[in-house]
Amino acid sequence: MKNKILSLINNFKFVFHLTYAIERKLFILNFLFFILLAILPVASLLMLKKVVDSIIEFRSIQDTQVLMYVGVFIIIQILNAFVQQWSVYFLQKQQYLLSEHISLKVLTKAAEIDYAYYEDPSFYDTLHLTQNKSSYLPPQIIITFQTLLQQTFLFVALAVFLFSIHL
C-alpha cells in the first residue's frame, strides 16, 4: 500500500513537471481556472446566505440590499459558467499538447532503436501498447491530478466558509 501511494505521488510529480515544461502559460492558466472553480461555489453559498439573512432582517424581498445580493449571486453564477467553459477548452488544449509531446517522444525513441528489436514480437507488442496508451493516458492523469487539486481547494474553502459562519 505504501509503495502504491509513493508511486502515485511520483506519477503526479512527473505529470506536474511535464505539463509545466510543455506549456507554462497554459499550465498556470488552467491552475488559476481550477482555483476559481473551487472558490466560486463557496462565494455563491455566501451570497445565498446573505440573501436569506437580508430577507429575514428586512422581512421584504423588495429591499435594495436583498436585490443587490441577488444581483451579485447572479453575477457569480454567470462567472462560474464562463470559467467552467473556458476551463474545459484550455484543459483540452493542454491535454492535446501533452499527448502530442509524449507521442513524439515515443516515436523518436522507436526510430532510434535497432531494427533487430522489431523482430521480437514481445518488444513490438510493448511498443504498440506504449504508442496506444500515450494518446489517452497522460490526459487522463492530468484530469485526475487537476480534479484532485480542485476538490482539495474546494474542501478547504468550504471548511473556511463553515467555520466563518459559526464564529
Foldseek 3Di string as FASTA:
>chain_A
DVVVVVVLVVVLVVLLVLLCVQPVVLSVLLLVLLLLLLQLVLVLVVLVVQLVVVCVVVVDCPDPSNVVSVVVNVVSVVVNVVSVVVSVVSLVVSLQSQLVVQLVVLVVVVVPDDPVQVVDVVSVVVSVVSNVCSNPVSSVSVVVSSVVVSVVSNVVSVVVSVVVVVD
